[in-house]
Amino acid sequence: MTTPPPTGAGRADGSSVPIGALVPLTRPGWVEAGRHLLAGIELAVREVNDAGGIAGRPLELVVRDTAADPQRAAAAVDELARLGVAALVGEYHSVVARAAAARADALGLPFLCSSAVLDALTDQPTDWVARLAPAQSRGWQVYADYLLGAGHSRIAVAVQPSVYWASGVRILRDHLAPRGGTVIELDTREAAPAALCDATVDHRATALLLLVGHPDPAVTIVKAVRRDQRLAEIVIGAPAGQPEFAEWATALGDDGAAVPFLRYLPERPTPLGARVATALRERLAAAPSFVAFEGYDAVTVLADVLRSHGADRVRTAESWPRVSVEGTRGQIRFTRTPGIGVWQWASAPIQVVDRDPVEPDRFRILHSG
């Protein structure tokens, strides 16, 4: 689908500047995350166009639904490249973003990835891809530090097969082991929720992390743990951020509170962040997640690049190291980070938060990194 420029957008020469957006909008994609991501992207496009567009030419947003399917995402990149988009933004799911990044790199199409965190977003270093979200290694190390600081050194993880989840387990184990921590993997394919509870008790774990999909089996596991009196004191964690969204609270109610997760927001909003939060809340009819801000920031950065260097793909890719843009969550600059093959915003804010058991719609900041 295509979102047309708003009425009144300037057209100095009668043409627009098309940009592609990759967003999960249908199952098995995380639809709520996709809706927030698209809301941020659309809001930023509207504001860019209201301010005169790109040298008088409006941004034209061309959206493609990835549905959490890597092959579908790669095909969408091919299609958008043929349609002549100047660049790509978006994508939430890491494995999907990896497929999109590989195809964008092969085609020479700039891709500003908003939300996917997998360190190995590309197999080899590339100048075509930049990323706003913190790399998984940085975010999950912050989460591991939170666990240790809260007194948890015996960690059980309920895990599904995935490059993303396997990477998460490796990061946690590598960071915790030198500090006396242990990570026990529990394969959800081989153990029902009741058996997961038994294994968690047997291993004397004090924290159980959900490295699984939402809503299934995450919701089922949480309900089983909350009803097991042997695990009354255990901390359930979800580093990938499932509790950020209203779906989590709706499905679990009070059971979904006090589940620490990673969120990429500053402790205090910037003036721009506060203004955008108000606009996003009106657009979403709900509190915006950090994913909505990532979408907004991606378009804001890309628009700045396009204003400075035009819609030429090569010049856009060459501009990543010169970016310095005020985003909703701080000043955005891209650098080369060891072990990361794409241009990375290395100072993106990271929090560990949970939903307050007394007031589940309120988030508590437990740790910052």
Protein backbone atom coordinates (compact mmCIF):
# COMPACT_ATOMS: atom_id res chain seq x y z
CA MET A 1 0.00 0.00 0.00
CA THR A 2 1.07 3.58 -0.55
CA THR A 3 0.52 6.45 1.83
CA PRO A 4 0.10 9.60 -0.31
CA PRO A 5 1.58 12.91 0.77
CA PRO A 6 -0.80 15.07 2.78
CA THR A 7 -2.80 17.81 1.14
CA GLY A 8 -0.72 20.96 0.77
CA ALA A 9 2.66 19.24 0.48
CA GLY A 10 4.90 21.28 -1.77
CA ARG A 11 5.76 20.01 -5.25
CA ALA A 12 8.44 22.22 -6.74
CA ASP A 13 8.73 20.10 -9.90
CA GLY A 14 5.65 17.90 -9.71
CA SER A 15 7.50 14.83 -8.46
CA SER A 16 7.84 13.12 -5.09
CA VAL A 17 10.72 11.38 -3.34
CA PRO A 18 9.59 7.79 -2.71
CA ILE A 19 10.93 5.84 0.26
CA GLY A 20 10.10 2.25 1.10
CA ALA A 21 8.98 1.03 4.52
CA LEU A 22 9.22 -2.61 5.65
CA VAL A 23 6.75 -3.35 8.44
CA PRO A 24 5.15 -6.52 9.92
CA LEU A 25 1.42 -5.88 9.54
CA THR A 26 -0.03 -9.42 9.46
CA ARG A 27 0.57 -12.67 11.36
CA PRO A 28 2.84 -14.39 12.08
CA GLY A 29 4.49 -10.98 12.35
CA TRP A 30 4.12 -9.03 15.57
CA VAL A 31 1.27 -6.89 14.30
CA GLU A 32 1.10 -4.51 17.26
CA ALA A 33 4.81 -3.74 16.96
CA GLY A 34 4.31 -3.17 13.24
CA ARG A 35 1.41 -0.82 13.89
CA HIS A 36 3.52 1.27 16.27
CA LEU A 37 6.46 1.27 13.87
CA LEU A 38 4.28 2.42 10.99
CA ALA A 39 2.64 5.12 13.14
CA GLY A 40 6.04 6.65 13.86
CA ILE A 41 7.10 6.44 10.23
CA GLU A 42 3.86 8.01 8.97
CA LEU A 43 3.94 10.81 11.53
CA ALA A 44 7.49 11.76 10.56
CA VAL A 45 6.64 11.67 6.83
CA ARG A 46 3.69 13.99 7.43
CA GLU A 47 5.81 16.43 9.42
CA VAL A 48 8.57 16.42 6.79
CA ASN A 49 6.01 17.19 4.10
CA ASP A 50 4.29 19.87 6.17
CA ALA A 51 7.72 21.52 6.48
CA GLY A 52 8.22 21.60 2.70
CA GLY A 53 9.39 18.06 1.98
CA ILE A 54 12.76 17.44 0.35
CA ALA A 55 13.68 20.67 -1.41
CA GLY A 56 9.99 21.19 -2.14
CA ARG A 57 9.32 17.60 -3.17
CA PRO A 58 7.10 15.58 -0.82
CA LEU A 59 8.17 12.27 0.62
CA GLU A 60 5.99 9.46 -0.73
CA LEU A 61 5.79 6.45 1.57
CA VAL A 62 5.54 3.03 -0.08
CA VAL A 63 4.76 0.41 2.59
CA ARG A 64 5.25 -3.34 2.28
CA ASP A 65 4.09 -5.91 4.82
CA THR A 66 6.84 -8.40 5.69
CA ALA A 67 4.62 -10.60 7.93
CA ALA A 68 7.82 -11.75 9.73
CA ASP A 69 8.81 -13.68 6.59
CA PRO A 70 12.45 -13.24 5.45
CA GLN A 71 11.71 -14.36 1.89
CA ARG A 72 8.77 -11.99 1.64
CA ALA A 73 10.96 -9.16 2.92
CA ALA A 74 13.68 -9.89 0.37
CA ALA A 75 11.09 -9.91 -2.42
CA ALA A 76 9.72 -6.59 -1.13
CA VAL A 77 13.21 -5.06 -1.30
CA ASP A 78 13.49 -6.20 -4.93
CA GLU A 79 10.10 -4.69 -5.74
CA LEU A 80 10.81 -1.40 -3.99
CA ALA A 81 14.15 -1.10 -5.74
CA ARG A 82 12.40 -1.55 -9.11
CA LEU A 83 9.86 1.10 -8.11
CA GLY A 84 12.70 3.56 -7.68
CA VAL A 85 12.60 4.29 -3.95
CA ALA A 86 15.47 6.43 -2.72
CA ALA A 87 15.98 4.32 0.40
CA LEU A 88 14.33 1.91 2.83
CA VAL A 89 13.38 2.30 6.48
CA GLY A 90 11.78 0.04 9.05
CA GLU A 91 11.49 -3.62 10.03
CA TYR A 92 11.05 -4.95 13.53
CA HIS A 93 11.96 -8.64 13.38
CA SER A 94 15.71 -9.25 13.41
CA VAL A 95 15.78 -12.32 11.16
CA VAL A 96 13.57 -10.52 8.64
CA ALA A 97 15.70 -7.38 8.77
CA ARG A 98 18.76 -9.51 8.15
CA ALA A 99 17.25 -10.84 4.92
CA ALA A 100 16.23 -7.32 3.88
CA ALA A 101 19.68 -5.93 4.67
CA ALA A 102 21.41 -8.62 2.62
CA ARG A 103 19.19 -7.88 -0.37
CA ALA A 104 19.55 -4.10 0.00
CA ASP A 105 23.32 -4.49 0.16
CA ALA A 106 23.32 -6.64 -2.99
CA LEU A 107 21.17 -4.12 -4.87
CA GLY A 108 22.94 -0.98 -3.67
CA LEU A 109 19.83 0.36 -1.95
CA PRO A 110 20.30 2.37 1.30
CA PHE A 111 18.47 0.78 4.26
CA LEU A 112 18.05 2.53 7.62
CA CYS A 113 16.94 -0.28 9.92
CA SER A 114 14.85 1.12 12.74
CA SER A 115 14.22 -1.67 15.22
CA ALA A 116 16.02 -4.99 14.59
CA VAL A 117 18.91 -5.67 16.97
CA LEU A 118 20.69 -8.83 15.76
CA ASP A 119 24.43 -8.06 15.75
CA ALA A 120 25.05 -9.90 12.48
CA LEU A 121 22.56 -7.88 10.45
CA THR A 122 24.84 -8.55 7.47
CA ASP A 123 27.48 -11.24 6.91
CA GLN A 124 30.08 -8.72 5.76
CA PRO A 125 30.63 -5.01 6.49
CA THR A 126 28.51 -2.81 4.24
CA ASP A 127 28.13 0.90 3.61
CA TRP A 128 24.53 0.53 2.45
CA VAL A 129 22.94 -0.27 5.82
CA ALA A 130 22.67 1.81 9.01
CA ARG A 131 20.80 0.98 12.21
CA LEU A 132 19.12 2.95 15.00
CA ALA A 133 18.36 0.16 17.49
CA PRO A 134 21.15 -0.92 19.86
CA ALA A 135 22.97 -4.08 18.83
CA GLN A 136 21.68 -7.14 20.69
CA SER A 137 25.05 -7.72 22.36
CA ARG A 138 24.95 -4.29 24.00
CA GLY A 139 21.31 -4.43 25.07
CA TRP A 140 21.39 -7.98 26.41
CA GLN A 141 24.61 -7.33 28.31
CA VAL A 142 22.82 -4.46 30.04
CA TYR A 143 20.03 -6.90 30.86
CA ALA A 144 22.54 -9.42 32.24
CA ASP A 145 24.05 -6.68 34.42
CA TYR A 146 20.57 -5.95 35.76
CA LEU A 147 20.07 -9.63 36.65
CA LEU A 148 23.36 -9.83 38.49
CA GLY A 149 22.70 -6.55 40.30
CA ALA A 150 19.34 -7.90 41.44
CA GLY A 151 20.99 -11.02 42.84
CA HIS A 152 20.24 -13.50 40.07
CA SER A 153 23.12 -15.75 39.03
CA ARG A 154 21.25 -18.99 38.21
CA ILE A 155 19.24 -18.19 35.10
CA ALA A 156 16.91 -20.54 33.23
CA VAL A 157 15.86 -19.63 29.68
CA ALA A 158 12.81 -21.05 27.94
CA VAL A 159 13.90 -20.93 24.32
CA GLN A 160 12.60 -21.61 20.81
CA PRO A 161 14.82 -22.33 17.79
CA SER A 162 15.87 -19.08 16.11
CA VAL A 163 19.07 -17.31 15.13
CA TYR A 164 17.91 -14.39 17.28
CA TRP A 165 17.16 -16.46 20.39
CA ALA A 166 20.37 -18.50 20.01
CA SER A 167 22.34 -15.26 19.78
CA GLY A 168 20.63 -14.03 22.94
CA VAL A 169 21.53 -17.16 24.87
CA ARG A 170 25.15 -16.87 23.78
CA ILE A 171 25.35 -13.20 24.81
CA LEU A 172 23.86 -13.92 28.24
CA ARG A 173 26.11 -16.92 28.86
CA ASP A 174 29.29 -15.16 27.72
CA HIS A 175 28.53 -12.13 29.89
CA LEU A 176 27.34 -13.97 32.99
CA ALA A 177 29.83 -16.85 33.15
CA PRO A 178 32.93 -14.77 34.03
CA ARG A 179 30.88 -13.21 36.84
CA GLY A 180 29.79 -16.53 38.34
CA GLY A 181 26.45 -16.78 36.56
CA THR A 182 25.01 -19.84 34.87
CA VAL A 183 22.47 -20.13 32.05
CA ILE A 184 20.36 -23.27 31.71
CA GLU A 185 18.53 -23.75 28.39
CA LEU A 186 15.04 -25.28 28.43
CA ASP A 187 13.81 -26.24 24.94
CA THR A 188 10.12 -25.39 24.65
CA ARG A 189 9.73 -27.91 21.83
CA GLU A 190 10.51 -30.74 24.23
CA ALA A 191 8.87 -29.51 27.44
CA ALA A 192 5.32 -28.38 28.13
CA PRO A 193 4.87 -25.42 30.50
CA ALA A 194 4.44 -27.75 33.51
CA ALA A 195 7.69 -29.52 32.65
CA LEU A 196 9.42 -26.14 32.25
CA CYS A 197 8.32 -25.28 35.77
CA ASP A 198 9.69 -28.60 37.07
CA ALA A 199 13.03 -28.03 35.33
CA THR A 200 13.29 -24.48 36.66
CA VAL A 201 12.76 -25.78 40.21
CA ASP A 202 15.23 -28.64 39.71
CA HIS A 203 17.94 -26.25 38.54
CA ARG A 204 17.27 -23.90 41.48
CA ALA A 205 17.02 -20.97 39.07
CA THR A 206 15.95 -17.63 40.50
CA ALA A 207 15.05 -16.12 37.13
CA LEU A 208 13.30 -17.60 34.09
CA LEU A 209 13.73 -15.70 30.84
CA LEU A 210 11.27 -16.04 27.98
CA LEU A 211 13.14 -16.37 24.69
CA VAL A 212 10.00 -17.37 22.85
CA GLY A 213 7.30 -15.94 20.63
CA HIS A 214 4.30 -13.90 21.75
CA PRO A 215 1.51 -14.60 22.38
CA ASP A 216 2.23 -18.32 22.09
CA PRO A 217 3.96 -19.85 23.96
CA ALA A 218 4.95 -16.86 26.11
CA VAL A 219 1.49 -16.27 27.59
CA THR A 220 0.98 -19.95 28.42
CA ILE A 221 4.35 -20.20 30.14
CA VAL A 222 3.77 -17.07 32.24
CA LYS A 223 0.39 -18.36 33.41
CA ALA A 224 1.86 -21.74 34.36
CA VAL A 225 4.72 -20.16 36.32
CA ARG A 226 2.44 -17.73 38.16
CA ARG A 227 0.24 -20.60 39.32
CA ASP A 228 3.12 -22.79 40.53
CA GLN A 229 3.62 -22.11 44.24
CA ARG A 230 7.15 -23.52 44.08
CA LEU A 231 8.06 -20.58 41.82
CA ALA A 232 6.34 -17.85 43.83
CA GLU A 233 9.63 -15.96 44.27
CA ILE A 234 11.06 -16.41 40.79
CA VAL A 235 11.54 -13.47 38.42
CA ILE A 236 10.13 -13.95 34.94
CA GLY A 237 12.05 -11.89 32.38
CA ALA A 238 11.47 -11.02 28.73
CA PRO A 239 14.55 -9.23 27.38
CA ALA A 240 13.12 -9.00 23.85
CA GLY A 241 10.46 -6.55 25.04
CA GLN A 242 7.16 -8.41 24.79
CA PRO A 243 5.62 -6.67 27.86
CA GLU A 244 6.03 -3.25 26.19
CA PHE A 245 2.83 -3.71 24.22
CA ALA A 246 -0.80 -3.60 25.28
CA GLU A 247 -1.38 -7.12 23.91
CA TRP A 248 0.75 -8.45 26.75
CA ALA A 249 -1.24 -6.68 29.45
CA THR A 250 -4.54 -7.66 27.82
CA ALA A 251 -3.59 -11.34 27.60
CA LEU A 252 -2.05 -11.64 31.07
CA GLY A 253 -3.58 -8.95 33.30
CA ASP A 254 -1.86 -8.86 36.68
CA ASP A 255 0.22 -11.93 35.73
CA GLY A 256 2.04 -9.80 33.17
CA ALA A 257 3.35 -7.27 35.71
CA ALA A 258 6.84 -7.37 37.22
CA VAL A 259 8.37 -8.95 34.09
CA PRO A 260 11.57 -6.97 33.32
CA PHE A 261 12.28 -6.23 29.65
CA LEU A 262 14.49 -4.06 27.48
CA ARG A 263 13.21 -0.72 26.23
CA TYR A 264 15.12 1.83 24.17
CA LEU A 265 14.03 5.14 25.66
CA PRO A 266 15.87 7.75 27.77
CA GLU A 267 15.00 8.19 31.44
CA ARG A 268 13.68 11.67 30.65
CA PRO A 269 12.15 12.60 27.31
CA THR A 270 13.76 15.31 25.22
CA PRO A 271 11.50 18.24 24.23
CA LEU A 272 11.18 16.70 20.76
CA GLY A 273 10.44 13.31 22.29
CA ALA A 274 7.69 14.77 24.48
CA ARG A 275 6.06 16.52 21.52
CA VAL A 276 6.22 13.42 19.35
CA ALA A 277 4.88 11.26 22.19
CA THR A 278 1.74 13.42 22.32
CA ALA A 279 1.23 13.19 18.56
CA LEU A 280 1.83 9.43 18.54
CA ARG A 281 -0.61 8.88 21.39
CA GLU A 282 -3.30 10.67 19.38
CA ARG A 283 -2.48 8.62 16.28
CA LEU A 284 -2.39 5.28 18.12
CA ALA A 285 -5.11 6.02 20.70
CA ALA A 286 -2.66 4.44 23.15
CA ALA A 287 0.70 5.11 24.76
CA PRO A 288 3.42 4.87 22.09
CA SER A 289 6.05 2.17 22.47
CA PHE A 290 9.75 2.72 21.89
CA VAL A 291 9.22 1.10 18.47
CA ALA A 292 7.05 4.05 17.38
CA PHE A 293 9.87 6.45 18.28
CA GLU A 294 12.32 4.31 16.30
CA GLY A 295 10.09 4.63 13.24
CA TYR A 296 9.84 8.39 13.66
CA ASP A 297 13.58 8.78 14.11
CA ALA A 298 14.36 6.66 11.05
CA VAL A 299 12.41 8.97 8.73
CA THR A 300 13.77 12.07 10.47
CA VAL A 301 17.34 10.93 9.86
CA LEU A 302 16.67 9.86 6.29
CA ALA A 303 14.93 13.15 5.47
CA ASP A 304 17.94 15.08 6.77
CA VAL A 305 20.23 13.02 4.56
CA LEU A 306 18.01 13.48 1.51
CA ARG A 307 17.82 17.24 2.04
CA SER A 308 21.60 17.47 2.23
CA HIS A 309 22.56 15.06 -0.53
CA GLY A 310 19.51 14.57 -2.75
CA ALA A 311 17.81 11.29 -3.58
CA ASP A 312 20.90 9.65 -5.07
CA ARG A 313 21.36 6.21 -3.51
CA VAL A 314 25.16 6.23 -3.55
CA ARG A 315 25.37 9.66 -1.93
CA THR A 316 22.85 8.59 0.71
CA ALA A 317 24.94 5.57 1.65
CA GLU A 318 28.09 7.67 1.71
CA SER A 319 26.43 10.10 4.14
CA TRP A 320 25.84 7.71 7.09
CA PRO A 321 29.11 8.61 8.86
CA ARG A 322 28.31 12.35 8.57
CA VAL A 323 24.82 12.14 10.11
CA SER A 324 24.17 14.33 13.16
CA VAL A 325 20.45 14.63 13.76
CA GLU A 326 18.34 15.42 16.81
CA GLY A 327 16.06 12.43 17.33
CA THR A 328 13.31 11.84 19.84
CA ARG A 329 15.73 9.95 22.10
CA GLY A 330 18.93 11.94 21.69
CA GLN A 331 21.47 13.08 19.10
CA ILE A 332 21.86 10.43 16.42
CA ARG A 333 25.26 9.73 14.89
CA PHE A 334 26.49 6.58 13.17
CA THR A 335 29.87 4.96 13.76
CA ARG A 336 31.60 1.69 13.05
CA THR A 337 31.34 -0.64 16.04
CA PRO A 338 33.62 -3.69 16.43
CA GLY A 339 31.80 -6.85 15.39
CA ILE A 340 28.94 -4.94 13.72
CA GLY A 341 28.92 -4.82 9.92
CA VAL A 342 26.54 -1.87 9.53
CA TRP A 343 26.70 1.81 10.49
CA GLN A 344 25.46 1.85 14.08
CA TRP A 345 23.95 4.43 16.44
CA ALA A 346 26.18 3.34 19.29
CA SER A 347 24.72 5.54 22.05
CA ALA A 348 21.03 4.69 21.75
CA PRO A 349 19.46 4.71 25.26
CA ILE A 350 18.75 1.38 26.97
CA GLN A 351 16.52 0.70 29.96
CA VAL A 352 15.38 -2.38 31.83
CA VAL A 353 11.79 -1.74 32.88
CA ASP A 354 8.71 -3.63 34.01
CA ARG A 355 5.02 -3.04 34.52
CA ASP A 356 4.18 -1.93 38.04
CA PRO A 357 2.19 -4.67 39.85
CA VAL A 358 0.14 -1.98 41.60
CA GLU A 359 -0.62 -0.11 38.38
CA PRO A 360 0.17 -2.36 35.36
CA ASP A 361 -0.21 0.48 32.83
CA ARG A 362 2.72 2.28 34.51
CA PHE A 363 6.32 1.30 33.74
CA ARG A 364 9.06 1.21 36.38
CA ILE A 365 12.68 1.85 35.36
CA LEU A 366 14.80 -0.81 37.07
CA HIS A 367 18.17 -0.24 35.40
CA SER A 368 19.76 1.91 32.69
CA GLY A 369 22.77 1.25 30.52
